Amino acid sequence: MLFVLLAVLSVVGAVIGVDLVTKLGISANTSVVGALVAMLVGRIPLAGLRRMRSVHRQNLAQSAISAATFAAANVLLTSIAIPYAFGRSDLVWPMLAGATVGLLIDVWVLYRSFGSRLLPADAAWPSGVAAAETIKAGDKGGKRALVLGAGTLVGVGGTLFSLPLSAAGVAFLGNVWALLMFGFGLGIAEYVPGLLDVDLTGEFIPHGVMIGAGVVALGQAVRLLARRRTSTPAPSAPADPTTVPTVDETTLRRTLMRGYGLFTAGAVVMAVLGGLLGEMSLPALVGWALFAAFAAIVHELIVGLAAMQSGWFPAFAVTLIFLIAGLLMGIPSVPLALLVGYVSATGPAFADMGYDLKAGWLLRKDHRPWDAYERAGRREQLKASLVGFAVALAVVALVWQAYFEQDMLPPVATIYADTVKHGLDSPGVLTNLLLWAIPGALIQLLGGTKRQMGVMLATGLLVATPHACWLVIAALAVRVVYRRWRGAQADEELNLVGAGLIAGSSLGDSAQIVKAG
C-alpha cells in the first residue's frame, strides 16, 4: 500500500514539475503537499490506510513527491531541453542518459555526506523544518498546531499579494549572520541597479562574487576534509547524540572522491553516447570529462550549502558560471552544451534531498537508541526518493516531445543554449568576474564554514526576489528582540512560525499554479 501511494504521489509531483517549469519557468516545493495528502489518507477509516498515520510514513510520502518534482523539472527536463534548444534534437536521449546518471550520483553523494561537519543535520535546511513541523503538528495537534496553522495562513495570504513570506520564514530558522548577508544581497540586487544605473547581471557582478565565495568555500571544505583528529577530549557534559556528526571526515573525504570518479565516468558515458569521440581528440575528451566532473561536484556543493542556509539554491546562476568558464576555455559548442546539461543535472536534487533528510532527522531525533534508527530511516527515505526519481524519468521520457514540439521549453534551458550558441556579448567578462571575486572571497573567508556568508551574499545577489530583503531583515530583527524577551523558549516558537510561513507559501504557490494551469 505504501509503495502504491508513493508511486501515485510521485506521478502527481512529476507532472506538476514538468508543467510548471515549461509554462511558468519555476518549480514548486511539493513536500508539504505530499505530507498533507499522506495525513488525509491516514484518516480514511480503512485498516490498510490507517498505517499512514505514522509520521515516518508521511515523511516517506513527502520525500517521494518532492524528489519526483525536482528531478522531473529542474534536473531531467531542463537538461534535455538544452541540446534541443541548441538545435540538436538527436542529442536529447544521450543527454537524458547523462542527466539520469548525474542525478543518481548527486543524491548518492548527499545521502553519504548528510550529517557531516560540511553538511550537518542540525543546520537550518528550512524547507525540511517546514515539512517536519507540518507533520508533527498534524500528529500532535494542540498549541503547536495552532501556531503552525497561523503561520501557514499568513504564508498563504502573502502569496495573494505576491509577498515572498517564505523569506521571512527562513530568517526565523537559519543562521543570523548568513541570512543577514542573504538579505543584503537581495537588497543590493533590487535597489542598486536603479540608484547607480548599473546592470549587475549584465556585468556579471553577482557571478564574480559567487566565484570568489565558491572558491573559498571549496578550499574550506578541502581543509575540513584534510583535517585529521588525533584525539577527542572527554566532554564536560553528556552531548546530545543527535548533534554529533554521523559522518566522519574520512567517510566524507572518501564519498567526495568517489563522487568525482563517478561523475567522470558518467561524463565519459555521455560523451560516447553523444558522439563526442568524433568531435574531440582523446586528450581534449579526457580534459572535458575531468572538467565536467569537477564542475558537477562543485556545483552540487555550492548549491547545497546555499540551500542549507537559506532555502534558496542558485542552480541556474552557478551553472551559468561554468558555462562562462567553458566559453573562456574555448570548449566547442556541442561538447559545451552537453557539459552544461550534465552540470545542471546536479544540485537541485542534492538540495531537495537535504531538506527531506532534515525533516526525517527532526521526526526521528527523540528515538532512543538513536544512531541505528536514524541510519535506517535515511535508507528508507533514499528508497522513497528512488521511487520518485524512477517515476520522474518515466514521465519525462514520455512527455518531453509533446512539450518541446509546442515550443514549451524551460526558459533557463533556452538561455543556456543561446549563450553557448552566441557566446558572450559583454566585453571584459573575465576581468569583471575576477575583480568581483575578491570581495566574495574575503566575505566567505570572514564568515567561515558554518556561516557561509560569501555564498549567501552571492545567493541574494543572484536570486534577486523583489521585496524579499525587507522581509528577511525585518524577520531577523523580530527574532533578535523576541529571543531577548522570551529566552530559549523563543527558539521553538519562532521555528513553528517560520515553518508555517514556508509551508503556507508552498501551498499558496501550488494553489496559484493549479489556477494558472
Protein backbone atom coordinates (compact mmCIF):
# COMPACT_ATOMS: atom_id res chain seq x y z
CA MET A 1 0.00 0.00 0.00
CA LEU A 2 2.80 2.42 0.88
CA PHE A 3 4.56 1.78 -2.44
CA VAL A 4 1.36 2.46 -4.37
CA LEU A 5 0.83 5.76 -2.55
CA LEU A 6 4.44 6.78 -3.15
CA ALA A 7 4.14 5.96 -6.85
CA VAL A 8 0.87 7.89 -7.22
CA LEU A 9 2.24 10.93 -5.37
CA SER A 10 5.40 10.76 -7.50
CA VAL A 11 3.36 10.83 -10.71
CA VAL A 12 1.47 13.88 -9.44
CA GLY A 13 4.73 15.58 -8.40
CA ALA A 14 6.47 14.85 -11.71
CA VAL A 15 3.55 16.11 -13.79
CA ILE A 16 3.30 19.29 -11.68
CA GLY A 17 7.04 19.86 -12.01
CA VAL A 18 7.11 19.40 -15.81
CA ASP A 19 4.07 21.60 -16.35
CA LEU A 20 5.39 24.37 -14.10
CA VAL A 21 8.88 24.57 -15.48
CA THR A 22 7.66 24.72 -19.10
CA LYS A 23 4.70 27.08 -18.66
CA LEU A 24 5.93 29.37 -15.89
CA GLY A 25 9.66 28.66 -15.72
CA ILE A 26 9.51 27.84 -12.00
CA SER A 27 9.23 24.81 -9.76
CA ALA A 28 7.28 24.26 -6.55
CA ASN A 29 8.27 22.61 -3.30
CA THR A 30 5.62 19.88 -3.10
CA SER A 31 6.91 18.14 0.04
CA VAL A 32 4.34 19.81 2.33
CA VAL A 33 1.59 18.88 -0.13
CA GLY A 34 2.75 15.26 -0.03
CA ALA A 35 2.77 15.25 3.78
CA LEU A 36 -0.78 16.67 3.91
CA VAL A 37 -2.06 14.09 1.42
CA ALA A 38 -0.49 11.30 3.47
CA MET A 39 -2.15 12.67 6.63
CA LEU A 40 -5.55 12.70 4.93
CA VAL A 41 -5.07 9.16 3.61
CA GLY A 42 -4.16 8.01 7.11
CA ARG A 43 -7.50 9.28 8.41
CA ILE A 44 -9.56 7.21 5.97
CA PRO A 45 -11.25 4.54 8.15
CA LEU A 46 -9.76 1.53 6.39
CA ALA A 47 -7.31 -0.82 8.10
CA GLY A 48 -4.68 -0.69 5.37
CA LEU A 49 -4.73 3.09 5.18
CA ARG A 50 -4.51 3.82 8.89
CA ARG A 51 -0.82 2.94 8.76
CA MET A 52 -0.30 6.27 7.02
CA ARG A 53 -0.93 7.98 10.37
CA SER A 54 2.70 7.17 11.14
CA VAL A 55 4.78 10.34 10.90
CA HIS A 56 7.59 8.29 9.39
CA ARG A 57 5.41 7.02 6.54
CA GLN A 58 4.27 10.60 5.96
CA ASN A 59 7.93 11.58 5.81
CA LEU A 60 8.46 8.95 3.09
CA ALA A 61 5.48 10.35 1.17
CA GLN A 62 6.83 13.90 1.21
CA SER A 63 10.29 12.61 0.25
CA ALA A 64 8.93 10.77 -2.80
CA ILE A 65 6.76 13.58 -4.19
CA SER A 66 9.40 16.29 -3.76
CA ALA A 67 12.07 14.05 -5.30
CA ALA A 68 9.83 13.43 -8.33
CA THR A 69 9.01 17.14 -8.72
CA PHE A 70 12.56 18.44 -8.64
CA ALA A 71 14.00 15.53 -10.64
CA ALA A 72 11.44 15.90 -13.43
CA ALA A 73 11.52 19.70 -13.68
CA ASN A 74 14.87 21.07 -12.51
CA VAL A 75 17.03 18.11 -13.49
CA LEU A 76 15.85 15.89 -16.34
CA LEU A 77 13.60 18.12 -18.45
CA THR A 78 15.82 21.20 -18.11
CA SER A 79 18.92 19.21 -19.06
CA ILE A 80 17.47 17.62 -22.20
CA ALA A 81 15.95 20.94 -23.29
CA ILE A 82 19.44 22.43 -23.68
CA PRO A 83 20.58 20.38 -26.72
CA TYR A 84 17.04 20.63 -28.16
CA ALA A 85 17.09 24.43 -27.92
CA PHE A 86 20.60 24.36 -29.36
CA GLY A 87 19.20 22.67 -32.47
CA ARG A 88 20.47 19.15 -31.79
CA SER A 89 17.36 17.12 -31.02
CA ASP A 90 19.40 13.97 -31.78
CA LEU A 91 21.28 14.57 -28.51
CA VAL A 92 18.16 14.55 -26.30
CA TRP A 93 18.34 10.84 -25.46
CA PRO A 94 22.12 10.82 -24.75
CA MET A 95 21.56 13.90 -22.58
CA LEU A 96 18.72 12.17 -20.75
CA ALA A 97 21.02 9.25 -20.02
CA GLY A 98 23.76 11.59 -18.79
CA ALA A 99 21.33 13.63 -16.68
CA THR A 100 19.96 10.47 -15.09
CA VAL A 101 23.44 9.29 -14.20
CA GLY A 102 24.28 12.75 -12.81
CA LEU A 103 21.06 12.77 -10.77
CA LEU A 104 21.78 9.38 -9.19
CA ILE A 105 25.39 10.29 -8.34
CA ASP A 106 24.19 13.63 -6.98
CA VAL A 107 21.77 12.10 -4.47
CA TRP A 108 24.24 9.34 -3.56
CA VAL A 109 26.82 11.97 -2.57
CA LEU A 110 24.25 13.84 -0.48
CA TYR A 111 23.00 10.65 1.16
CA ARG A 112 26.54 9.67 2.12
CA SER A 113 27.60 13.16 3.30
CA PHE A 114 24.46 14.38 5.10
CA GLY A 115 25.20 14.62 8.81
CA SER A 116 28.88 15.51 8.31
CA ARG A 117 30.56 18.70 9.53
CA LEU A 118 30.27 20.05 5.98
CA LEU A 119 26.53 19.36 5.68
CA PRO A 120 25.36 18.96 9.29
CA ALA A 121 21.91 17.64 10.10
CA ASP A 122 21.40 20.34 12.74
CA ALA A 123 21.94 23.16 10.21
CA ALA A 124 18.93 25.19 9.04
CA TRP A 125 17.64 23.28 5.96
CA PRO A 126 14.49 25.49 6.18
CA SER A 127 12.13 23.58 3.88
CA GLY A 128 12.90 20.38 5.78
CA VAL A 129 11.95 22.07 9.05
CA ALA A 130 8.67 23.22 7.47
CA ALA A 131 7.82 19.69 6.34
CA ALA A 132 8.70 18.15 9.71
CA GLU A 133 6.78 20.72 11.74
CA THR A 134 3.74 20.26 9.49
CA ILE A 135 3.83 16.50 10.05
CA LYS A 136 4.33 16.85 13.83
CA ALA A 137 1.53 19.40 14.15
CA GLY A 138 -0.84 17.12 12.26
CA ASP A 139 0.11 14.25 14.56
CA LYS A 140 0.02 16.00 17.95
CA GLY A 141 -2.28 18.99 17.46
CA GLY A 142 -2.55 21.40 20.40
CA LYS A 143 -0.68 24.68 20.69
CA ARG A 144 1.95 23.63 18.14
CA ALA A 145 -0.76 23.08 15.53
CA LEU A 146 -2.33 26.46 16.29
CA VAL A 147 0.95 28.37 15.97
CA LEU A 148 1.95 26.48 12.82
CA GLY A 149 -1.54 26.90 11.37
CA ALA A 150 -1.49 30.65 11.98
CA GLY A 151 1.88 30.94 10.26
CA THR A 152 0.61 28.83 7.37
CA LEU A 153 -2.44 31.04 6.88
CA VAL A 154 -0.24 34.14 6.84
CA GLY A 155 2.06 32.45 4.32
CA VAL A 156 -0.86 31.54 2.06
CA GLY A 157 -2.20 35.10 2.35
CA GLY A 158 1.18 36.51 1.44
CA THR A 159 1.14 34.71 -1.91
CA LEU A 160 -2.11 36.51 -2.80
CA PHE A 161 -0.21 39.81 -2.57
CA SER A 162 2.95 38.42 -4.22
CA LEU A 163 4.90 38.71 -0.96
CA PRO A 164 7.66 36.08 -0.59
CA LEU A 165 6.90 35.38 3.08
CA SER A 166 8.94 32.20 2.86
CA ALA A 167 11.94 34.57 3.04
CA ALA A 168 10.76 35.74 6.48
CA GLY A 169 10.16 32.13 7.49
CA VAL A 170 13.73 31.22 6.57
CA ALA A 171 15.01 34.16 8.65
CA PHE A 172 13.38 32.64 11.75
CA LEU A 173 15.18 29.33 11.18
CA GLY A 174 18.67 29.85 9.78
CA ASN A 175 21.99 31.28 10.89
CA VAL A 176 21.58 35.00 11.66
CA TRP A 177 24.83 36.14 10.05
CA ALA A 178 24.33 34.01 6.95
CA LEU A 179 20.80 35.31 6.47
CA LEU A 180 21.83 38.91 7.14
CA MET A 181 24.24 38.64 4.21
CA PHE A 182 21.48 36.99 2.17
CA GLY A 183 19.20 39.96 2.94
CA PHE A 184 21.93 42.43 1.99
CA GLY A 185 22.42 40.61 -1.30
CA LEU A 186 18.69 40.74 -2.04
CA GLY A 187 18.61 44.46 -1.24
CA ILE A 188 21.62 45.28 -3.41
CA ALA A 189 20.15 43.33 -6.32
CA GLU A 190 16.82 45.14 -6.01
CA TYR A 191 17.88 48.76 -5.45
CA VAL A 192 21.48 49.34 -6.58
CA PRO A 193 20.77 48.99 -10.35
CA GLY A 194 18.25 51.85 -10.19
CA LEU A 195 20.31 54.03 -7.88
CA LEU A 196 23.62 53.68 -9.71
CA ASP A 197 22.30 52.89 -13.20
CA VAL A 198 24.27 49.65 -13.44
CA ASP A 199 23.17 46.25 -14.73
CA LEU A 200 24.59 43.88 -12.11
CA THR A 201 23.68 40.75 -14.02
CA GLY A 202 24.79 42.13 -17.38
CA GLU A 203 28.16 42.98 -15.87
CA PHE A 204 28.35 39.50 -14.24
CA ILE A 205 28.98 41.08 -10.83
CA PRO A 206 26.90 38.55 -8.82
CA HIS A 207 28.58 35.71 -10.69
CA GLY A 208 32.00 37.09 -9.80
CA VAL A 209 31.05 37.32 -6.12
CA MET A 210 29.84 33.70 -6.24
CA ILE A 211 33.05 32.56 -7.92
CA GLY A 212 35.18 34.12 -5.18
CA ALA A 213 32.94 32.80 -2.41
CA GLY A 214 32.70 29.39 -4.06
CA VAL A 215 36.47 29.02 -4.44
CA VAL A 216 36.99 29.86 -0.76
CA ALA A 217 34.10 27.57 0.25
CA LEU A 218 35.73 24.78 -1.73
CA GLY A 219 39.05 25.49 -0.01
CA GLN A 220 37.34 25.45 3.39
CA ALA A 221 35.78 22.10 2.54
CA VAL A 222 39.15 20.70 1.45
CA ARG A 223 40.71 21.96 4.68
CA LEU A 224 37.97 20.25 6.67
CA LEU A 225 38.49 17.01 4.73
CA ALA A 226 42.25 17.15 5.20
CA ARG A 227 41.96 17.66 8.95
CA ARG A 228 42.77 14.57 10.97
CA ARG A 229 41.62 14.26 14.55
CA THR A 230 44.27 12.72 16.71
CA SER A 231 42.40 12.78 19.99
CA THR A 232 39.00 13.80 21.27
CA PRO A 233 38.77 15.35 24.72
CA ALA A 234 36.10 13.98 27.03
CA PRO A 235 33.08 16.30 27.11
CA SER A 236 32.31 18.06 30.36
CA ALA A 237 28.63 17.18 30.00
CA PRO A 238 26.80 14.48 28.06
CA ALA A 239 26.36 15.63 24.46
CA ASP A 240 23.07 15.40 22.62
CA PRO A 241 23.72 12.37 20.38
CA THR A 242 21.63 13.84 17.56
CA THR A 243 24.05 16.77 17.18
CA VAL A 244 27.12 14.54 16.90
CA PRO A 245 28.15 14.11 13.22
CA THR A 246 27.10 10.72 11.84
CA VAL A 247 29.64 11.03 9.00
CA ASP A 248 33.30 11.48 9.93
CA GLU A 249 35.88 13.32 7.84
CA THR A 250 37.35 10.09 6.45
CA THR A 251 33.98 8.90 5.16
CA LEU A 252 33.17 12.35 3.78
CA ARG A 253 36.53 12.55 2.02
CA ARG A 254 36.04 9.09 0.53
CA THR A 255 32.49 9.96 -0.57
CA LEU A 256 33.53 13.13 -2.40
CA MET A 257 36.49 11.44 -4.08
CA ARG A 258 34.28 8.57 -5.23
CA GLY A 259 31.67 11.08 -6.32
CA TYR A 260 34.25 12.83 -8.50
CA GLY A 261 35.27 9.50 -10.00
CA LEU A 262 31.65 8.57 -10.69
CA PHE A 263 30.92 11.97 -12.24
CA THR A 264 33.95 11.49 -14.51
CA ALA A 265 32.73 8.06 -15.58
CA GLY A 266 29.23 9.46 -16.19
CA ALA A 267 30.66 12.23 -18.36
CA VAL A 268 32.59 9.69 -20.42
CA VAL A 269 29.45 7.60 -20.94
CA MET A 270 27.52 10.68 -22.07
CA ALA A 271 30.36 11.69 -24.38
CA VAL A 272 30.33 8.28 -26.06
CA LEU A 273 26.54 8.27 -26.43
CA GLY A 274 26.60 11.86 -27.70
CA GLY A 275 29.19 11.14 -30.38
CA LEU A 276 31.88 13.43 -28.96
CA LEU A 277 34.59 10.92 -29.89
CA GLY A 278 34.29 12.18 -33.46
CA GLU A 279 34.41 15.85 -32.48
CA MET A 280 37.26 15.95 -29.97
CA SER A 281 40.73 14.45 -29.75
CA LEU A 282 41.38 11.93 -27.00
CA PRO A 283 43.36 14.37 -24.77
CA ALA A 284 40.65 17.02 -25.25
CA LEU A 285 37.95 14.49 -24.39
CA VAL A 286 39.77 13.44 -21.22
CA GLY A 287 40.15 17.08 -20.20
CA TRP A 288 36.47 17.70 -20.96
CA ALA A 289 35.36 14.76 -18.80
CA LEU A 290 37.58 15.82 -15.88
CA PHE A 291 36.33 19.40 -16.06
CA ALA A 292 32.70 18.24 -16.33
CA ALA A 293 33.13 16.12 -13.19
CA PHE A 294 34.81 18.97 -11.32
CA ALA A 295 32.03 21.38 -12.33
CA ALA A 296 29.35 18.87 -11.31
CA ILE A 297 30.68 18.22 -7.82
CA VAL A 298 31.48 21.89 -7.12
CA HIS A 299 28.05 22.89 -8.43
CA GLU A 300 26.24 20.48 -6.13
CA LEU A 301 28.25 21.56 -3.09
CA ILE A 302 27.70 25.30 -3.62
CA VAL A 303 24.00 24.79 -4.35
CA GLY A 304 23.72 22.51 -1.32
CA LEU A 305 25.42 24.97 1.02
CA ALA A 306 23.18 27.82 -0.16
CA ALA A 307 20.06 25.67 0.24
CA MET A 308 21.18 24.51 3.68
CA GLN A 309 21.41 28.05 5.00
CA SER A 310 18.72 29.94 3.06
CA GLY A 311 16.20 27.57 1.48
CA TRP A 312 17.11 29.02 -1.95
CA PHE A 313 19.51 27.34 -4.32
CA PRO A 314 21.02 29.40 -7.19
CA ALA A 315 21.44 26.43 -9.53
CA PHE A 316 20.88 28.45 -12.71
CA ALA A 317 23.48 31.08 -11.84
CA VAL A 318 26.15 28.61 -10.73
CA THR A 319 25.65 26.53 -13.89
CA LEU A 320 25.98 29.73 -15.90
CA ILE A 321 29.35 30.36 -14.22
CA PHE A 322 30.67 27.04 -15.53
CA LEU A 323 29.17 27.78 -18.95
CA ILE A 324 31.12 31.05 -19.00
CA ALA A 325 34.25 29.19 -17.88
CA GLY A 326 33.76 26.75 -20.75
CA LEU A 327 33.45 29.60 -23.25
CA LEU A 328 36.60 31.25 -21.90
CA MET A 329 38.42 27.90 -22.16
CA GLY A 330 37.34 27.56 -25.80
CA ILE A 331 35.32 24.36 -25.45
CA PRO A 332 33.46 23.68 -28.74
CA SER A 333 29.73 24.36 -28.77
CA VAL A 334 28.28 20.81 -28.84
CA PRO A 335 30.56 19.46 -26.07
CA LEU A 336 29.84 22.63 -24.07
CA ALA A 337 26.06 22.22 -24.47
CA LEU A 338 26.30 18.64 -23.16
CA LEU A 339 28.58 19.74 -20.32
CA VAL A 340 26.12 22.42 -19.24
CA GLY A 341 23.26 19.93 -19.32
CA TYR A 342 25.27 17.49 -17.24
CA VAL A 343 26.22 20.12 -14.65
CA SER A 344 22.66 21.44 -14.41
CA ALA A 345 21.52 17.90 -13.52
CA THR A 346 23.37 18.19 -10.22
CA GLY A 347 22.41 20.45 -7.33
CA PRO A 348 18.59 20.69 -7.24
CA ALA A 349 18.02 17.08 -6.19
CA PHE A 350 21.02 17.37 -3.84
CA ALA A 351 19.38 20.31 -2.07
CA ASP A 352 15.92 18.78 -2.08
CA MET A 353 17.11 15.52 -0.55
CA GLY A 354 18.91 17.53 2.11
CA TYR A 355 15.56 19.08 3.03
CA ASP A 356 13.89 15.67 3.15
CA LEU A 357 16.61 14.11 5.31
CA LYS A 358 16.42 17.12 7.63
CA ALA A 359 12.68 16.52 8.02
CA GLY A 360 13.30 12.86 8.79
CA TRP A 361 16.06 13.75 11.26
CA LEU A 362 13.69 16.04 13.17
CA LEU A 363 11.00 13.35 13.27
CA ARG A 364 13.42 10.66 14.47
CA LYS A 365 15.67 12.60 16.83
CA ASP A 366 13.74 11.74 20.03
CA HIS A 367 14.02 7.99 19.46
CA ARG A 368 16.46 6.06 21.66
CA PRO A 369 18.70 4.33 20.77
CA TRP A 370 19.08 6.93 18.06
CA ASP A 371 22.03 6.28 15.73
CA ALA A 372 20.96 2.96 14.18
CA TYR A 373 17.36 4.16 13.97
CA GLU A 374 18.43 7.35 12.19
CA ARG A 375 20.58 5.48 9.67
CA ALA A 376 17.74 3.04 8.93
CA GLY A 377 15.34 5.96 8.45
CA ARG A 378 17.69 7.63 5.98
CA ARG A 379 17.90 4.40 3.97
CA GLU A 380 14.12 4.23 3.75
CA GLN A 381 13.99 7.86 2.62
CA LEU A 382 16.56 7.11 -0.07
CA LYS A 383 14.37 4.24 -1.31
CA ALA A 384 11.32 6.52 -1.37
CA SER A 385 13.30 9.14 -3.32
CA LEU A 386 14.42 6.49 -5.82
CA VAL A 387 10.75 5.70 -6.45
CA GLY A 388 10.23 9.39 -7.17
CA PHE A 389 13.25 9.51 -9.50
CA ALA A 390 12.11 6.44 -11.44
CA VAL A 391 8.65 7.93 -11.94
CA ALA A 392 10.17 11.30 -12.94
CA LEU A 393 12.35 9.60 -15.56
CA ALA A 394 9.36 7.75 -16.99
CA VAL A 395 7.20 10.89 -17.11
CA VAL A 396 9.91 12.99 -18.79
CA ALA A 397 10.69 10.26 -21.30
CA LEU A 398 7.00 10.05 -22.23
CA VAL A 399 6.07 13.74 -22.44
CA TRP A 400 9.16 15.73 -23.45
CA GLN A 401 8.48 15.54 -27.17
CA ALA A 402 4.89 16.73 -26.83
CA TYR A 403 6.02 19.77 -24.84
CA PHE A 404 9.07 20.63 -26.95
CA GLU A 405 7.17 20.40 -30.25
CA GLN A 406 4.84 23.12 -28.92
CA ASP A 407 7.93 25.23 -28.16
CA MET A 408 7.34 24.79 -24.42
CA LEU A 409 10.87 24.63 -23.03
CA PRO A 410 12.20 25.66 -19.61
CA PRO A 411 13.34 29.29 -20.06
CA VAL A 412 16.71 28.66 -18.39
CA ALA A 413 17.49 25.96 -20.96
CA THR A 414 16.92 28.47 -23.75
CA ILE A 415 19.25 30.94 -22.03
CA TYR A 416 21.95 28.27 -21.73
CA ALA A 417 21.58 27.25 -25.37
CA ASP A 418 21.63 30.84 -26.66
CA THR A 419 24.73 31.61 -24.59
CA VAL A 420 26.51 28.53 -25.94
CA LYS A 421 25.47 29.42 -29.50
CA HIS A 422 26.30 33.13 -29.49
CA GLY A 423 28.97 33.42 -26.81
CA LEU A 424 29.39 36.43 -24.53
CA ASP A 425 28.26 39.83 -25.76
CA SER A 426 29.66 41.79 -22.83
CA PRO A 427 33.35 42.75 -23.15
CA GLY A 428 35.67 42.37 -20.18
CA VAL A 429 33.72 39.46 -18.68
CA LEU A 430 36.81 37.75 -17.31
CA THR A 431 38.07 40.99 -15.75
CA ASN A 432 34.72 41.62 -14.02
CA LEU A 433 34.49 38.06 -12.76
CA LEU A 434 37.98 38.18 -11.26
CA LEU A 435 37.52 41.67 -9.83
CA TRP A 436 34.27 40.89 -8.03
CA ALA A 437 35.54 37.52 -6.92
CA ILE A 438 37.79 39.33 -4.45
CA PRO A 439 35.05 40.70 -2.11
CA GLY A 440 33.17 37.41 -2.40
CA ALA A 441 36.26 35.51 -1.32
CA LEU A 442 37.03 37.88 1.57
CA ILE A 443 33.49 37.76 2.98
CA GLN A 444 33.38 33.98 2.73
CA LEU A 445 36.74 33.77 4.47
CA LEU A 446 35.50 36.08 7.22
CA GLY A 447 32.33 34.07 7.85
CA GLY A 448 33.92 30.65 7.90
CA THR A 449 32.42 27.27 7.08
CA LYS A 450 29.42 27.47 9.43
CA ARG A 451 28.11 30.85 8.31
CA GLN A 452 28.83 30.67 4.54
CA MET A 453 28.48 34.48 4.40
CA GLY A 454 30.07 34.93 0.98
CA VAL A 455 27.97 32.21 -0.62
CA MET A 456 24.85 33.69 1.00
CA LEU A 457 25.63 37.24 -0.21
CA ALA A 458 26.11 35.90 -3.74
CA THR A 459 22.89 33.87 -3.47
CA GLY A 460 20.94 37.01 -2.57
CA LEU A 461 22.51 38.89 -5.49
CA LEU A 462 21.61 36.08 -7.87
CA VAL A 463 18.05 35.17 -6.85
CA ALA A 464 17.06 38.88 -6.64
CA THR A 465 13.49 38.34 -5.38
CA PRO A 466 11.60 41.67 -5.11
CA HIS A 467 10.82 42.89 -1.57
CA ALA A 468 12.38 39.77 -0.01
CA CYS A 469 15.24 41.79 1.51
CA TRP A 470 12.87 43.74 3.79
CA LEU A 471 11.13 40.57 4.90
CA VAL A 472 14.43 38.87 5.75
CA ILE A 473 15.86 41.82 7.66
CA ALA A 474 12.57 42.54 9.49
CA ALA A 475 12.23 38.89 10.50
CA LEU A 476 15.82 38.84 11.75
CA ALA A 477 15.13 41.94 13.86
CA VAL A 478 11.98 40.36 15.30
CA ARG A 479 13.94 37.19 16.02
CA VAL A 480 16.67 39.00 17.96
CA VAL A 481 14.21 41.09 20.00
CA TYR A 482 11.86 38.17 20.69
CA ARG A 483 14.80 35.96 21.68
CA ARG A 484 15.91 38.53 24.25
CA TRP A 485 12.38 38.74 25.67
CA ARG A 486 11.44 35.07 25.77
CA GLY A 487 14.83 33.44 26.19
CA ALA A 488 15.45 29.88 24.97
CA GLN A 489 11.69 29.24 24.72
CA ALA A 490 11.56 31.65 21.79
CA ASP A 491 13.52 29.29 19.53
CA GLU A 492 10.80 26.64 19.35
CA GLU A 493 8.05 29.21 18.85
CA LEU A 494 9.94 31.02 16.09
CA ASN A 495 10.72 27.70 14.43
CA LEU A 496 7.00 26.94 14.29
CA VAL A 497 6.13 30.37 12.88
CA GLY A 498 8.94 30.15 10.32
CA ALA A 499 7.92 26.65 9.30
CA GLY A 500 4.31 27.81 8.94
CA LEU A 501 5.29 30.73 6.69
CA ILE A 502 7.34 28.42 4.44
CA ALA A 503 4.60 25.78 4.35
CA GLY A 504 1.93 28.40 3.65
CA SER A 505 3.98 29.95 0.84
CA SER A 506 4.44 26.49 -0.72
CA LEU A 507 0.71 25.77 -0.50
CA GLY A 508 -0.19 29.22 -1.84
CA ASP A 509 2.22 28.88 -4.76
CA SER A 510 0.82 25.42 -5.56
CA ALA A 511 -2.74 26.75 -5.49
CA GLN A 512 -1.89 29.67 -7.78
CA ILE A 513 -0.08 27.32 -10.14
CA VAL A 514 -3.09 25.00 -10.36
CA LYS A 515 -5.29 28.02 -11.05
CA ALA A 516 -2.90 29.29 -13.74
CA GLY A 517 -2.75 25.84 -15.30
